[in-house]
Amino acid sequence: MTQVRSKIAGIGHYVPKNVISNNDLTEVMETSDEWIQERTGIKERRYVDRYKENTTTQAVKAAEIAIERAGITKDDIDFIVFATLSPDYYFPGCGVLLQRELGIKSHIGALDIRNQCSGFVYSLSVADQFIKTGMYKNILVVGSETHSAGLDFSTRGRNVTVIFGDGAGAVVLQPTTKEGQGILSTHLHAQGEHAERLAYINPGAHGGIFTGDTEDFHTDSAWDSMLITPEMVEAGHIYPNMDGPFVFKNAVVRFPEVIMEALQANQRGVEEIDMLIPHQANLRIAQFVQKRMGLSDDKVYNNIQKYGNTTAASIPIALCEAWEEGKIKEGDLVCLAAFGSGFTWASALIEW
C-alpha cells in the first residue's frame, strides 16, 4: 500500500516594514545595543503599523504568498490551522478572521492553536494528521504574531520587551506519495508545572494570585481574585513575565532531546540533517544547541538578529527565508524544533 505523507507545497512570510533597532529601545528604557546583543543576539526587530496592521493582516500576506507558490487558489484551501499567542480578539480566534480576509467563500473549518513558541510545530502536527487520514487535501498552516501591542516599554520590562518582534509565516500542506518526500514524524511535549515561569497572567480572568515564583501561585477556592488590581499593575503582571535563566536552562536540555527523538524515531543520524530550523528564541540558545549537536554553521538557520523572537511565526519565517536563499533543496532532511511557554516543546522531521 502506498504511504501518504504531508508535504509543504508552498511557503511564504511577511514582516512589517517598521524596523526597531536596539538603539531605538534605549530611548524608552535603560538598555544598550551591546547589552541586548550580548544576551540575545538580536540587533533589530519589526513592529506593525498599529493603525493598519494586526495579527490577521500579517497572516493574510504570508498566506497569499504560500498559496500562490503552492500553485493553487484560496478557494482550494479546505482547512485552516492558525497558531498565535497574540490574537486580534480574545474570541473568536484568528482562524476565522483569516478565512474572511482571504475571501474564502466555502465554509471550511478553522482551528486556533495556543502553544506560543511551539505553536507552529504543534499546528503542523495537527495538519499532518488530517492530511494522512485523507480528511483534507490543502491545509493552510499559519503562525502570526503582534507582540508590540502588549509589551512593557519601560526599564522594568526590558528583559522581555527587547526580545520580541512581529511577523507571520505560512505553509500549504498537501498529500504526497512520492518516495523521499514529506513529514516523517512530529513530536509534541508539555510540562505544565513550569507554566508561570514564562507567562502572561493578566489581563484576563484566572483563579489565583501570582507573586513571582511558581511556588507562590495558588488557587483561591472562592475564585474571587479575577479582577486586575492596582498591585498587579504595579508589579507588572499585566505584561508578559519571564524567568530568563530558568527558561534558558530548560531550553538547552529540551531542544537536543526533541531533535534526537525525531531522528531516532526515523532511524536517522545527526550527520544526516541538512538544515535545522530552531525556534528563534535566543541566539545563545541556538548556538548552544548547535554546538551540542555538532552541527556546522551551514546546517543551522538563524534570523533572530533581524526579527527578534516572533514565537509562533519564527519557524515558518526562518524556514521560508532559508528556502528562498537556496539553503533548503529538494531531498534535504530538515528538522524543526521549538521550546517555549507552557512549558511546551516540539520537533518535526521533514524530507523536503
C-alpha atoms as a PDB file:
ATOM      1  CA  MET A   1       0.000   0.000   0.000  1.00  0.00           C
ATOM      2  CA  THR A   2       1.349   3.423  -0.975  1.00  0.00           C
ATOM      3  CA  GLN A   3       2.221   5.569   2.029  1.00  0.00           C
ATOM      4  CA  VAL A   4       0.668   9.032   2.145  1.00  0.00           C
ATOM      5  CA  ARG A   5       2.670  11.807   3.736  1.00  0.00           C
ATOM      6  CA  SER A   6       2.216  15.540   4.083  1.00  0.00           C
ATOM      7  CA  LYS A   7       4.434  17.827   2.030  1.00  0.00           C
ATOM      8  CA  ILE A   8       4.972  21.555   2.215  1.00  0.00           C
ATOM      9  CA  ALA A   9       3.733  22.601  -1.225  1.00  0.00           C
ATOM     10  CA  GLY A  10       4.025  26.354  -0.716  1.00  0.00           C
ATOM     11  CA  ILE A  11       5.594  28.685   1.811  1.00  0.00           C
ATOM     12  CA  GLY A  12       5.501  32.426   2.467  1.00  0.00           C
ATOM     13  CA  HIS A  13       6.303  35.002   5.110  1.00  0.00           C
ATOM     14  CA  TYR A  14       5.689  38.637   5.935  1.00  0.00           C
ATOM     15  CA  VAL A  15       7.395  41.065   8.309  1.00  0.00           C
ATOM     16  CA  PRO A  16       6.342  44.689   8.866  1.00  0.00           C
ATOM     17  CA  LYS A  17       8.378  47.493   7.324  1.00  0.00           C
ATOM     18  CA  ASN A  18       8.805  49.270  10.674  1.00  0.00           C
ATOM     19  CA  VAL A  19      12.361  48.404  11.828  1.00  0.00           C
ATOM     20  CA  ILE A  20      13.099  48.945  15.528  1.00  0.00           C
ATOM     21  CA  SER A  21      16.804  48.879  16.370  1.00  0.00           C
ATOM     22  CA  ASN A  22      18.295  48.266  19.783  1.00  0.00           C
ATOM     23  CA  ASN A  23      19.251  51.925  19.888  1.00  0.00           C
ATOM     24  CA  ASP A  24      15.594  52.865  19.363  1.00  0.00           C
ATOM     25  CA  LEU A  25      14.722  50.999  22.547  1.00  0.00           C
ATOM     26  CA  THR A  26      17.318  52.940  24.545  1.00  0.00           C
ATOM     27  CA  GLU A  27      15.057  55.967  24.151  1.00  0.00           C
ATOM     28  CA  VAL A  28      12.337  54.398  26.325  1.00  0.00           C
ATOM     29  CA  MET A  29      14.271  52.168  28.721  1.00  0.00           C
ATOM     30  CA  GLU A  30      17.674  51.766  30.341  1.00  0.00           C
ATOM     31  CA  THR A  31      19.474  49.404  27.992  1.00  0.00           C
ATOM     32  CA  SER A  32      22.086  49.405  25.249  1.00  0.00           C
ATOM     33  CA  ASP A  33      22.776  47.777  21.910  1.00  0.00           C
ATOM     34  CA  GLU A  34      25.706  45.917  23.482  1.00  0.00           C
ATOM     35  CA  TRP A  35      23.601  44.652  26.404  1.00  0.00           C
ATOM     36  CA  ILE A  36      20.850  43.320  24.131  1.00  0.00           C
ATOM     37  CA  GLN A  37      23.177  41.684  21.602  1.00  0.00           C
ATOM     38  CA  GLU A  38      25.273  40.037  24.309  1.00  0.00           C
ATOM     39  CA  ARG A  39      22.232  38.414  25.935  1.00  0.00           C
ATOM     40  CA  THR A  40      20.047  37.640  22.921  1.00  0.00           C
ATOM     41  CA  GLY A  41      21.965  38.144  19.673  1.00  0.00           C
ATOM     42  CA  ILE A  42      19.223  40.497  18.471  1.00  0.00           C
ATOM     43  CA  LYS A  43      20.136  43.655  16.554  1.00  0.00           C
ATOM     44  CA  GLU A  44      16.668  44.759  15.446  1.00  0.00           C
ATOM     45  CA  ARG A  45      13.063  43.639  15.202  1.00  0.00           C
ATOM     46  CA  ARG A  46       9.922  44.629  13.262  1.00  0.00           C
ATOM     47  CA  TYR A  47       6.774  46.244  14.641  1.00  0.00           C
ATOM     48  CA  VAL A  48       3.418  46.554  12.896  1.00  0.00           C
ATOM     49  CA  ASP A  49       1.832  49.846  11.941  1.00  0.00           C
ATOM     50  CA  ARG A  50      -0.723  49.879  14.759  1.00  0.00           C
ATOM     51  CA  TYR A  51      -3.277  51.759  12.636  1.00  0.00           C
ATOM     52  CA  LYS A  52      -3.073  49.467   9.612  1.00  0.00           C
ATOM     53  CA  GLU A  53      -1.767  46.044  10.654  1.00  0.00           C
ATOM     54  CA  ASN A  54      -2.533  43.300  13.117  1.00  0.00           C
ATOM     55  CA  THR A  55      -2.049  39.561  13.571  1.00  0.00           C
ATOM     56  CA  THR A  56      -4.611  38.661  10.914  1.00  0.00           C
ATOM     57  CA  THR A  57      -3.463  41.128   8.248  1.00  0.00           C
ATOM     58  CA  GLN A  58       0.108  39.857   8.566  1.00  0.00           C
ATOM     59  CA  ALA A  59      -1.163  36.287   8.235  1.00  0.00           C
ATOM     60  CA  VAL A  60      -3.074  37.205   5.074  1.00  0.00           C
ATOM     61  CA  LYS A  61       0.082  38.469   3.369  1.00  0.00           C
ATOM     62  CA  ALA A  62       2.115  35.401   4.300  1.00  0.00           C
ATOM     63  CA  ALA A  63      -0.736  33.065   3.341  1.00  0.00           C
ATOM     64  CA  GLU A  64      -1.246  34.650  -0.076  1.00  0.00           C
ATOM     65  CA  ILE A  65       2.407  34.005  -0.944  1.00  0.00           C
ATOM     66  CA  ALA A  66       2.246  30.399   0.285  1.00  0.00           C
ATOM     67  CA  ILE A  67      -0.964  29.741  -1.672  1.00  0.00           C
ATOM     68  CA  GLU A  68       0.482  31.170  -4.886  1.00  0.00           C
ATOM     69  CA  ARG A  69       3.688  29.151  -4.515  1.00  0.00           C
ATOM     70  CA  ALA A  70       1.634  26.004  -3.960  1.00  0.00           C
ATOM     71  CA  GLY A  71       0.050  26.557  -7.366  1.00  0.00           C
ATOM     72  CA  ILE A  72      -3.488  26.692  -6.009  1.00  0.00           C
ATOM     73  CA  THR A  73      -6.096  29.360  -5.292  1.00  0.00           C
ATOM     74  CA  LYS A  74      -7.533  30.417  -1.949  1.00  0.00           C
ATOM     75  CA  ASP A  75     -10.715  28.505  -2.771  1.00  0.00           C
ATOM     76  CA  ASP A  76      -8.728  25.260  -2.931  1.00  0.00           C
ATOM     77  CA  ILE A  77      -7.921  25.590   0.786  1.00  0.00           C
ATOM     78  CA  ASP A  78     -10.108  23.178   2.741  1.00  0.00           C
ATOM     79  CA  PHE A  79      -8.898  23.792   6.303  1.00  0.00           C
ATOM     80  CA  ILE A  80      -7.008  26.445   8.291  1.00  0.00           C
ATOM     81  CA  VAL A  81      -4.793  25.952  11.343  1.00  0.00           C
ATOM     82  CA  PHE A  82      -3.729  29.251  12.919  1.00  0.00           C
ATOM     83  CA  ALA A  83      -1.083  29.496  15.661  1.00  0.00           C
ATOM     84  CA  THR A  84      -0.674  32.682  17.710  1.00  0.00           C
ATOM     85  CA  LEU A  85      -0.320  33.961  21.263  1.00  0.00           C
ATOM     86  CA  SER A  86      -1.446  37.447  20.187  1.00  0.00           C
ATOM     87  CA  PRO A  87      -4.928  37.090  18.655  1.00  0.00           C
ATOM     88  CA  ASP A  88      -6.737  40.200  17.499  1.00  0.00           C
ATOM     89  CA  TYR A  89      -9.778  39.310  19.610  1.00  0.00           C
ATOM     90  CA  TYR A  90      -9.996  37.360  22.849  1.00  0.00           C
ATOM     91  CA  PHE A  91     -12.551  35.414  20.828  1.00  0.00           C
ATOM     92  CA  PRO A  92     -13.226  34.430  18.119  1.00  0.00           C
ATOM     93  CA  GLY A  93      -9.769  33.248  17.108  1.00  0.00           C
ATOM     94  CA  CYS A  94      -7.765  34.487  14.147  1.00  0.00           C
ATOM     95  CA  GLY A  95      -8.514  31.380  12.043  1.00  0.00           C
ATOM     96  CA  VAL A  96     -11.986  32.574  11.080  1.00  0.00           C
ATOM     97  CA  LEU A  97     -10.728  36.140  10.606  1.00  0.00           C
ATOM     98  CA  LEU A  98      -8.104  34.854   8.177  1.00  0.00           C
ATOM     99  CA  GLN A  99     -10.780  32.874   6.315  1.00  0.00           C
ATOM    100  CA  ARG A 100     -12.824  36.054   5.980  1.00  0.00           C
ATOM    101  CA  GLU A 101      -9.962  38.335   4.967  1.00  0.00           C
ATOM    102  CA  LEU A 102      -8.705  35.883   2.344  1.00  0.00           C
ATOM    103  CA  GLY A 103     -12.201  35.929   0.861  1.00  0.00           C
ATOM    104  CA  ILE A 104     -12.694  32.168   1.068  1.00  0.00           C
ATOM    105  CA  LYS A 105     -16.372  31.623   0.260  1.00  0.00           C
ATOM    106  CA  SER A 106     -16.744  27.985   1.271  1.00  0.00           C
ATOM    107  CA  HIS A 107     -17.460  27.237   4.920  1.00  0.00           C
ATOM    108  CA  ILE A 108     -14.164  25.496   5.656  1.00  0.00           C
ATOM    109  CA  GLY A 109     -13.104  24.775   9.213  1.00  0.00           C
ATOM    110  CA  ALA A 110     -10.615  26.952  11.068  1.00  0.00           C
ATOM    111  CA  LEU A 111      -8.692  25.802  14.132  1.00  0.00           C
ATOM    112  CA  ASP A 112      -6.734  28.036  16.520  1.00  0.00           C
ATOM    113  CA  ILE A 113      -3.641  26.725  18.323  1.00  0.00           C
ATOM    114  CA  ARG A 114      -2.389  28.372  21.527  1.00  0.00           C
ATOM    115  CA  ASN A 115       1.020  26.840  22.137  1.00  0.00           C
ATOM    116  CA  GLN A 116       3.055  30.021  21.883  1.00  0.00           C
ATOM    117  CA  CYS A 117       6.653  29.366  20.755  1.00  0.00           C
ATOM    118  CA  SER A 118       5.843  25.746  19.881  1.00  0.00           C
ATOM    119  CA  GLY A 119       2.616  26.738  18.166  1.00  0.00           C
ATOM    120  CA  PHE A 120       3.711  26.284  14.565  1.00  0.00           C
ATOM    121  CA  VAL A 121       5.156  22.797  15.084  1.00  0.00           C
ATOM    122  CA  TYR A 122       2.047  21.785  17.033  1.00  0.00           C
ATOM    123  CA  SER A 123      -0.089  23.164  14.175  1.00  0.00           C
ATOM    124  CA  LEU A 124       1.976  21.338  11.589  1.00  0.00           C
ATOM    125  CA  SER A 125       1.486  18.118  13.528  1.00  0.00           C
ATOM    126  CA  VAL A 126      -2.294  18.583  13.691  1.00  0.00           C
ATOM    127  CA  ALA A 127      -2.497  19.361   9.970  1.00  0.00           C
ATOM    128  CA  ASP A 128      -0.270  16.384   9.191  1.00  0.00           C
ATOM    129  CA  GLN A 129      -2.780  14.023  10.803  1.00  0.00           C
ATOM    130  CA  PHE A 130      -5.647  15.435   8.742  1.00  0.00           C
ATOM    131  CA  ILE A 131      -3.653  15.040   5.528  1.00  0.00           C
ATOM    132  CA  LYS A 132      -2.539  11.470   6.279  1.00  0.00           C
ATOM    133  CA  THR A 133      -6.085  10.340   7.075  1.00  0.00           C
ATOM    134  CA  GLY A 134      -7.350  11.850   3.817  1.00  0.00           C
ATOM    135  CA  MET A 135      -9.742  14.257   5.511  1.00  0.00           C
ATOM    136  CA  TYR A 136      -8.243  17.343   3.829  1.00  0.00           C
ATOM    137  CA  LYS A 137      -6.074  17.980   0.757  1.00  0.00           C
ATOM    138  CA  ASN A 138      -4.924  21.605   1.077  1.00  0.00           C
ATOM    139  CA  ILE A 139      -4.378  22.854   4.617  1.00  0.00           C
ATOM    140  CA  LEU A 140      -3.192  26.385   5.314  1.00  0.00           C
ATOM    141  CA  VAL A 141      -0.962  26.415   8.413  1.00  0.00           C
ATOM    142  CA  VAL A 142      -0.084  29.857   9.775  1.00  0.00           C
ATOM    143  CA  GLY A 143       1.965  31.352  12.589  1.00  0.00           C
ATOM    144  CA  SER A 144       1.462  35.086  13.116  1.00  0.00           C
ATOM    145  CA  GLU A 145       2.261  37.443  15.990  1.00  0.00           C
ATOM    146  CA  THR A 146       1.829  41.074  17.033  1.00  0.00           C
ATOM    147  CA  HIS A 147       3.898  41.289  20.197  1.00  0.00           C
ATOM    148  CA  SER A 148       4.497  45.025  20.055  1.00  0.00           C
ATOM    149  CA  ALA A 149       0.938  45.740  21.202  1.00  0.00           C
ATOM    150  CA  GLY A 150       1.385  44.069  24.607  1.00  0.00           C
ATOM    151  CA  LEU A 151       4.923  44.750  25.807  1.00  0.00           C
ATOM    152  CA  ASP A 152       6.117  46.809  28.774  1.00  0.00           C
ATOM    153  CA  PHE A 153       8.183  49.586  27.211  1.00  0.00           C
ATOM    154  CA  SER A 154       9.934  50.588  30.414  1.00  0.00           C
ATOM    155  CA  THR A 155      13.133  49.589  32.169  1.00  0.00           C
ATOM    156  CA  ARG A 156      11.089  47.209  34.328  1.00  0.00           C
ATOM    157  CA  GLY A 157      10.012  45.250  31.258  1.00  0.00           C
ATOM    158  CA  ARG A 158      13.217  45.340  29.240  1.00  0.00           C
ATOM    159  CA  ASN A 159      14.248  41.695  29.817  1.00  0.00           C
ATOM    160  CA  VAL A 160      11.167  40.601  27.897  1.00  0.00           C
ATOM    161  CA  THR A 161      10.476  43.558  25.614  1.00  0.00           C
ATOM    162  CA  VAL A 162      13.863  43.637  23.868  1.00  0.00           C
ATOM    163  CA  ILE A 163      13.378  40.031  22.701  1.00  0.00           C
ATOM    164  CA  PHE A 164      10.099  40.101  20.797  1.00  0.00           C
ATOM    165  CA  GLY A 165       9.054  41.229  17.340  1.00  0.00           C
ATOM    166  CA  ASP A 166       6.114  40.980  14.926  1.00  0.00           C
ATOM    167  CA  GLY A 167       5.701  38.907  11.770  1.00  0.00           C
ATOM    168  CA  ALA A 168       3.959  35.985  10.078  1.00  0.00           C
ATOM    169  CA  GLY A 169       4.778  32.794   8.202  1.00  0.00           C
ATOM    170  CA  ALA A 170       2.558  30.298   6.392  1.00  0.00           C
ATOM    171  CA  VAL A 171       2.703  26.974   4.567  1.00  0.00           C
ATOM    172  CA  VAL A 172       0.280  24.975   2.463  1.00  0.00           C
ATOM    173  CA  LEU A 173       0.297  21.286   3.328  1.00  0.00           C
ATOM    174  CA  GLN A 174      -0.722  18.715   0.707  1.00  0.00           C
ATOM    175  CA  PRO A 175      -0.631  14.903   0.441  1.00  0.00           C
ATOM    176  CA  THR A 176       2.216  13.210  -1.424  1.00  0.00           C
ATOM    177  CA  THR A 177       3.086   9.615  -2.240  1.00  0.00           C
ATOM    178  CA  LYS A 178       6.483  10.499  -3.667  1.00  0.00           C
ATOM    179  CA  GLU A 179       9.278   8.459  -2.134  1.00  0.00           C
ATOM    180  CA  GLY A 180      11.670  10.546  -0.044  1.00  0.00           C
ATOM    181  CA  GLN A 181       9.303  13.486   0.443  1.00  0.00           C
ATOM    182  CA  GLY A 182       7.131  14.786   3.235  1.00  0.00           C
ATOM    183  CA  ILE A 183       6.835  14.987   7.017  1.00  0.00           C
ATOM    184  CA  LEU A 184       8.391  11.883   8.557  1.00  0.00           C
ATOM    185  CA  SER A 185       7.185  12.475  12.107  1.00  0.00           C
ATOM    186  CA  THR A 186       6.284  15.111  14.697  1.00  0.00           C
ATOM    187  CA  HIS A 187       6.903  15.006  18.450  1.00  0.00           C
ATOM    188  CA  LEU A 188       4.988  17.109  20.987  1.00  0.00           C
ATOM    189  CA  HIS A 189       5.618  17.615  24.716  1.00  0.00           C
ATOM    190  CA  ALA A 190       4.475  19.763  27.639  1.00  0.00           C
ATOM    191  CA  GLN A 191       5.404  20.331  31.296  1.00  0.00           C
ATOM    192  CA  GLY A 192       2.703  22.442  32.894  1.00  0.00           C
ATOM    193  CA  GLU A 193       4.348  22.590  36.298  1.00  0.00           C
ATOM    194  CA  HIS A 194       6.507  25.446  34.995  1.00  0.00           C
ATOM    195  CA  ALA A 195       3.655  27.407  33.380  1.00  0.00           C
ATOM    196  CA  GLU A 196       4.198  30.603  35.350  1.00  0.00           C
ATOM    197  CA  ARG A 197       7.929  30.788  34.548  1.00  0.00           C
ATOM    198  CA  LEU A 198       7.041  32.262  31.151  1.00  0.00           C
ATOM    199  CA  ALA A 199       3.535  33.620  31.147  1.00  0.00           C
ATOM    200  CA  TYR A 200       1.125  36.482  30.560  1.00  0.00           C
ATOM    201  CA  ILE A 201      -1.019  36.158  33.691  1.00  0.00           C
ATOM    202  CA  ASN A 202      -3.202  39.256  33.284  1.00  0.00           C
ATOM    203  CA  PRO A 203      -5.278  40.868  31.861  1.00  0.00           C
ATOM    204  CA  GLY A 204      -7.795  38.078  31.903  1.00  0.00           C
ATOM    205  CA  ALA A 205      -9.673  36.082  34.488  1.00  0.00           C
ATOM    206  CA  HIS A 206      -7.834  33.461  36.495  1.00  0.00           C
ATOM    207  CA  GLY A 207      -8.457  31.851  39.831  1.00  0.00           C
ATOM    208  CA  GLY A 208      -5.215  32.582  41.562  1.00  0.00           C
ATOM    209  CA  ILE A 209      -2.727  35.116  42.816  1.00  0.00           C
ATOM    210  CA  PHE A 210       0.719  35.147  41.249  1.00  0.00           C
ATOM    211  CA  THR A 211       3.565  36.820  43.128  1.00  0.00           C
ATOM    212  CA  GLY A 212       6.552  35.857  41.035  1.00  0.00           C
ATOM    213  CA  ASP A 213       7.550  32.241  41.691  1.00  0.00           C
ATOM    214  CA  THR A 214       5.774  29.020  40.748  1.00  0.00           C
ATOM    215  CA  GLU A 215       5.643  28.057  44.429  1.00  0.00           C
ATOM    216  CA  ASP A 216       3.748  31.269  45.211  1.00  0.00           C
ATOM    217  CA  PHE A 217       0.991  30.690  42.679  1.00  0.00           C
ATOM    218  CA  HIS A 218      -2.000  29.289  44.484  1.00  0.00           C
ATOM    219  CA  THR A 219      -5.607  28.720  43.567  1.00  0.00           C
ATOM    220  CA  ASP A 220      -8.237  30.604  45.530  1.00  0.00           C
ATOM    221  CA  SER A 221     -11.114  28.218  46.221  1.00  0.00           C
ATOM    222  CA  ALA A 222     -13.596  31.084  46.089  1.00  0.00           C
ATOM    223  CA  TRP A 223     -12.275  32.206  42.651  1.00  0.00           C
ATOM    224  CA  ASP A 224     -12.551  35.772  43.874  1.00  0.00           C
ATOM    225  CA  SER A 225      -9.233  37.084  42.555  1.00  0.00           C
ATOM    226  CA  MET A 226     -10.302  37.543  38.946  1.00  0.00           C
ATOM    227  CA  LEU A 227     -10.039  41.329  38.712  1.00  0.00           C
ATOM    228  CA  ILE A 228      -6.992  43.347  37.750  1.00  0.00           C
ATOM    229  CA  THR A 229      -5.811  45.128  40.870  1.00  0.00           C
ATOM    230  CA  PRO A 230      -3.519  48.148  41.326  1.00  0.00           C
ATOM    231  CA  GLU A 231      -0.990  45.749  42.833  1.00  0.00           C
ATOM    232  CA  MET A 232      -0.970  43.688  39.619  1.00  0.00           C
ATOM    233  CA  VAL A 233      -0.362  46.810  37.557  1.00  0.00           C
ATOM    234  CA  GLU A 234       2.403  47.990  39.876  1.00  0.00           C
ATOM    235  CA  ALA A 235       4.102  44.577  39.848  1.00  0.00           C
ATOM    236  CA  GLY A 236       3.956  44.402  36.062  1.00  0.00           C
ATOM    237  CA  HIS A 237       1.683  41.348  35.967  1.00  0.00           C
ATOM    238  CA  ILE A 238      -0.412  42.884  33.178  1.00  0.00           C
ATOM    239  CA  TYR A 239       2.586  42.308  30.907  1.00  0.00           C
ATOM    240  CA  PRO A 240       4.426  39.136  29.878  1.00  0.00           C
ATOM    241  CA  ASN A 241       6.828  37.870  32.529  1.00  0.00           C
ATOM    242  CA  MET A 242       9.755  35.500  32.118  1.00  0.00           C
ATOM    243  CA  ASP A 243      12.255  33.833  34.395  1.00  0.00           C
ATOM    244  CA  GLY A 244      15.024  34.081  31.800  1.00  0.00           C
ATOM    245  CA  PRO A 245      17.706  31.905  33.425  1.00  0.00           C
ATOM    246  CA  PHE A 246      15.188  29.154  34.221  1.00  0.00           C
ATOM    247  CA  VAL A 247      13.808  29.180  30.666  1.00  0.00           C
ATOM    248  CA  PHE A 248      17.343  29.071  29.222  1.00  0.00           C
ATOM    249  CA  LYS A 249      18.319  26.170  31.477  1.00  0.00           C
ATOM    250  CA  ASN A 250      15.339  24.102  30.324  1.00  0.00           C
ATOM    251  CA  ALA A 251      15.532  25.095  26.652  1.00  0.00           C
ATOM    252  CA  VAL A 252      19.110  23.904  26.179  1.00  0.00           C
ATOM    253  CA  VAL A 253      18.058  20.481  27.500  1.00  0.00           C
ATOM    254  CA  ARG A 254      14.761  20.080  25.668  1.00  0.00           C
ATOM    255  CA  PHE A 255      15.961  21.239  22.239  1.00  0.00           C
ATOM    256  CA  PRO A 256      18.576  18.470  21.811  1.00  0.00           C
ATOM    257  CA  GLU A 257      16.214  15.910  23.389  1.00  0.00           C
ATOM    258  CA  VAL A 258      13.366  16.534  20.981  1.00  0.00           C
ATOM    259  CA  ILE A 259      15.673  16.748  17.948  1.00  0.00           C
ATOM    260  CA  MET A 260      17.215  13.384  18.848  1.00  0.00           C
ATOM    261  CA  GLU A 261      13.744  11.947  19.442  1.00  0.00           C
ATOM    262  CA  ALA A 262      12.773  12.807  15.862  1.00  0.00           C
ATOM    263  CA  LEU A 263      15.992  11.377  14.426  1.00  0.00           C
ATOM    264  CA  GLN A 264      15.800   8.153  16.421  1.00  0.00           C
ATOM    265  CA  ALA A 265      12.132   7.643  15.529  1.00  0.00           C
ATOM    266  CA  ASN A 266      13.163   7.584  11.887  1.00  0.00           C
ATOM    267  CA  GLN A 267      16.493   5.790  12.343  1.00  0.00           C
ATOM    268  CA  ARG A 268      18.434   8.804  11.129  1.00  0.00           C
ATOM    269  CA  GLY A 269      21.658  10.308  12.466  1.00  0.00           C
ATOM    270  CA  VAL A 270      22.573  13.884  13.341  1.00  0.00           C
ATOM    271  CA  GLU A 271      25.037  13.901  10.445  1.00  0.00           C
ATOM    272  CA  GLU A 272      22.121  13.407   8.049  1.00  0.00           C
ATOM    273  CA  ILE A 273      20.489  16.729   8.967  1.00  0.00           C
ATOM    274  CA  ASP A 274      20.820  19.177   6.074  1.00  0.00           C
ATOM    275  CA  MET A 275      19.096  22.065   7.844  1.00  0.00           C
ATOM    276  CA  LEU A 276      17.974  22.665  11.425  1.00  0.00           C
ATOM    277  CA  ILE A 277      15.435  25.451  11.858  1.00  0.00           C
ATOM    278  CA  PRO A 278      15.165  26.187  15.581  1.00  0.00           C
ATOM    279  CA  HIS A 279      12.514  28.439  17.023  1.00  0.00           C
ATOM    280  CA  GLN A 280      14.200  31.847  17.204  1.00  0.00           C
ATOM    281  CA  ALA A 281      14.120  32.222  20.981  1.00  0.00           C
ATOM    282  CA  ASN A 282      17.635  33.423  21.701  1.00  0.00           C
ATOM    283  CA  LEU A 283      20.778  33.233  19.571  1.00  0.00           C
ATOM    284  CA  ARG A 284      22.769  31.928  22.552  1.00  0.00           C
ATOM    285  CA  ILE A 285      20.339  29.020  22.930  1.00  0.00           C
ATOM    286  CA  ALA A 286      20.567  28.198  19.219  1.00  0.00           C
ATOM    287  CA  GLN A 287      24.369  28.331  19.297  1.00  0.00           C
ATOM    288  CA  PHE A 288      24.487  26.138  22.407  1.00  0.00           C
ATOM    289  CA  VAL A 289      22.237  23.551  20.749  1.00  0.00           C
ATOM    290  CA  GLN A 290      24.254  23.701  17.533  1.00  0.00           C
ATOM    291  CA  LYS A 291      27.463  23.005  19.430  1.00  0.00           C
ATOM    292  CA  ARG A 292      25.820  20.262  21.489  1.00  0.00           C
ATOM    293  CA  MET A 293      24.567  18.555  18.322  1.00  0.00           C
ATOM    294  CA  GLY A 294      27.862  19.014  16.491  1.00  0.00           C
ATOM    295  CA  LEU A 295      26.287  20.831  13.541  1.00  0.00           C
ATOM    296  CA  SER A 296      28.218  23.186  11.259  1.00  0.00           C
ATOM    297  CA  ASP A 297      27.105  26.777  10.637  1.00  0.00           C
ATOM    298  CA  ASP A 298      25.692  25.927   7.222  1.00  0.00           C
ATOM    299  CA  LYS A 299      23.299  23.408   8.774  1.00  0.00           C
ATOM    300  CA  VAL A 300      21.558  25.766  11.210  1.00  0.00           C
ATOM    301  CA  TYR A 301      19.490  28.772  10.142  1.00  0.00           C
ATOM    302  CA  ASN A 302      19.085  31.786  12.433  1.00  0.00           C
ATOM    303  CA  ASN A 303      17.470  35.124  11.662  1.00  0.00           C
ATOM    304  CA  ILE A 304      16.708  36.315  15.193  1.00  0.00           C
ATOM    305  CA  GLN A 305      19.310  39.039  14.608  1.00  0.00           C
ATOM    306  CA  LYS A 306      16.881  40.759  12.202  1.00  0.00           C
ATOM    307  CA  TYR A 307      13.464  39.944  13.612  1.00  0.00           C
ATOM    308  CA  GLY A 308      13.793  39.071  17.272  1.00  0.00           C
ATOM    309  CA  ASN A 309      11.595  36.311  18.669  1.00  0.00           C
ATOM    310  CA  THR A 310       8.325  36.106  16.726  1.00  0.00           C
ATOM    311  CA  THR A 311       7.216  32.992  18.692  1.00  0.00           C
ATOM    312  CA  ALA A 312       4.705  31.001  16.595  1.00  0.00           C
ATOM    313  CA  ALA A 313       5.814  32.857  13.451  1.00  0.00           C
ATOM    314  CA  SER A 314       9.544  32.355  13.938  1.00  0.00           C
ATOM    315  CA  ILE A 315       9.926  28.859  12.448  1.00  0.00           C
ATOM    316  CA  PRO A 316       7.870  29.472   9.283  1.00  0.00           C
ATOM    317  CA  ILE A 317       9.607  32.830   8.719  1.00  0.00           C
ATOM    318  CA  ALA A 318      13.050  31.237   9.096  1.00  0.00           C
ATOM    319  CA  LEU A 319      12.042  28.189   7.041  1.00  0.00           C
ATOM    320  CA  CYS A 320      10.779  30.437   4.251  1.00  0.00           C
ATOM    321  CA  GLU A 321      13.906  32.591   4.200  1.00  0.00           C
ATOM    322  CA  ALA A 322      16.195  29.560   4.214  1.00  0.00           C
ATOM    323  CA  TRP A 323      14.271  28.091   1.268  1.00  0.00           C
ATOM    324  CA  GLU A 324      14.279  31.415  -0.622  1.00  0.00           C
ATOM    325  CA  GLU A 325      18.047  31.657  -0.154  1.00  0.00           C
ATOM    326  CA  GLY A 326      18.540  28.185  -1.645  1.00  0.00           C
ATOM    327  CA  LYS A 327      19.695  26.677   1.642  1.00  0.00           C
ATOM    328  CA  ILE A 328      16.915  24.081   1.546  1.00  0.00           C
ATOM    329  CA  LYS A 329      16.656  21.960  -1.583  1.00  0.00           C
ATOM    330  CA  GLU A 330      14.590  19.021  -2.763  1.00  0.00           C
ATOM    331  CA  GLY A 331      15.566  15.863  -0.921  1.00  0.00           C
ATOM    332  CA  ASP A 332      17.108  17.679   2.052  1.00  0.00           C
ATOM    333  CA  LEU A 333      16.446  16.426   5.568  1.00  0.00           C
ATOM    334  CA  VAL A 334      15.027  19.367   7.531  1.00  0.00           C
ATOM    335  CA  CYS A 335      14.427  19.403  11.280  1.00  0.00           C
ATOM    336  CA  LEU A 336      12.190  21.952  13.014  1.00  0.00           C
ATOM    337  CA  ALA A 337      12.423  22.354  16.791  1.00  0.00           C
ATOM    338  CA  ALA A 338      10.820  24.681  19.326  1.00  0.00           C
ATOM    339  CA  PHE A 339      10.657  25.306  23.065  1.00  0.00           C
ATOM    340  CA  GLY A 340       8.641  27.870  24.939  1.00  0.00           C
ATOM    341  CA  SER A 341       5.862  28.938  27.256  1.00  0.00           C
ATOM    342  CA  GLY A 342       3.851  26.169  28.819  1.00  0.00           C
ATOM    343  CA  PHE A 343       6.462  24.746  29.006  1.00  0.00           C
ATOM    344  CA  THR A 344       5.927  23.126  25.618  1.00  0.00           C
ATOM    345  CA  TRP A 345       8.475  21.782  23.167  1.00  0.00           C
ATOM    346  CA  ALA A 346       8.207  20.007  19.839  1.00  0.00           C
ATOM    347  CA  SER A 347      10.017  18.851  16.705  1.00  0.00           C
ATOM    348  CA  ALA A 348       9.246  17.793  13.156  1.00  0.00           C
ATOM    349  CA  LEU A 349      11.480  15.897  10.738  1.00  0.00           C
ATOM    350  CA  ILE A 350      10.836  16.549   7.060  1.00  0.00           C
ATOM    351  CA  GLU A 351      12.208  15.209   3.795  1.00  0.00           C
ATOM    352  CA  TRP A 352      11.964  18.198   1.506  1.00  0.00           C
END
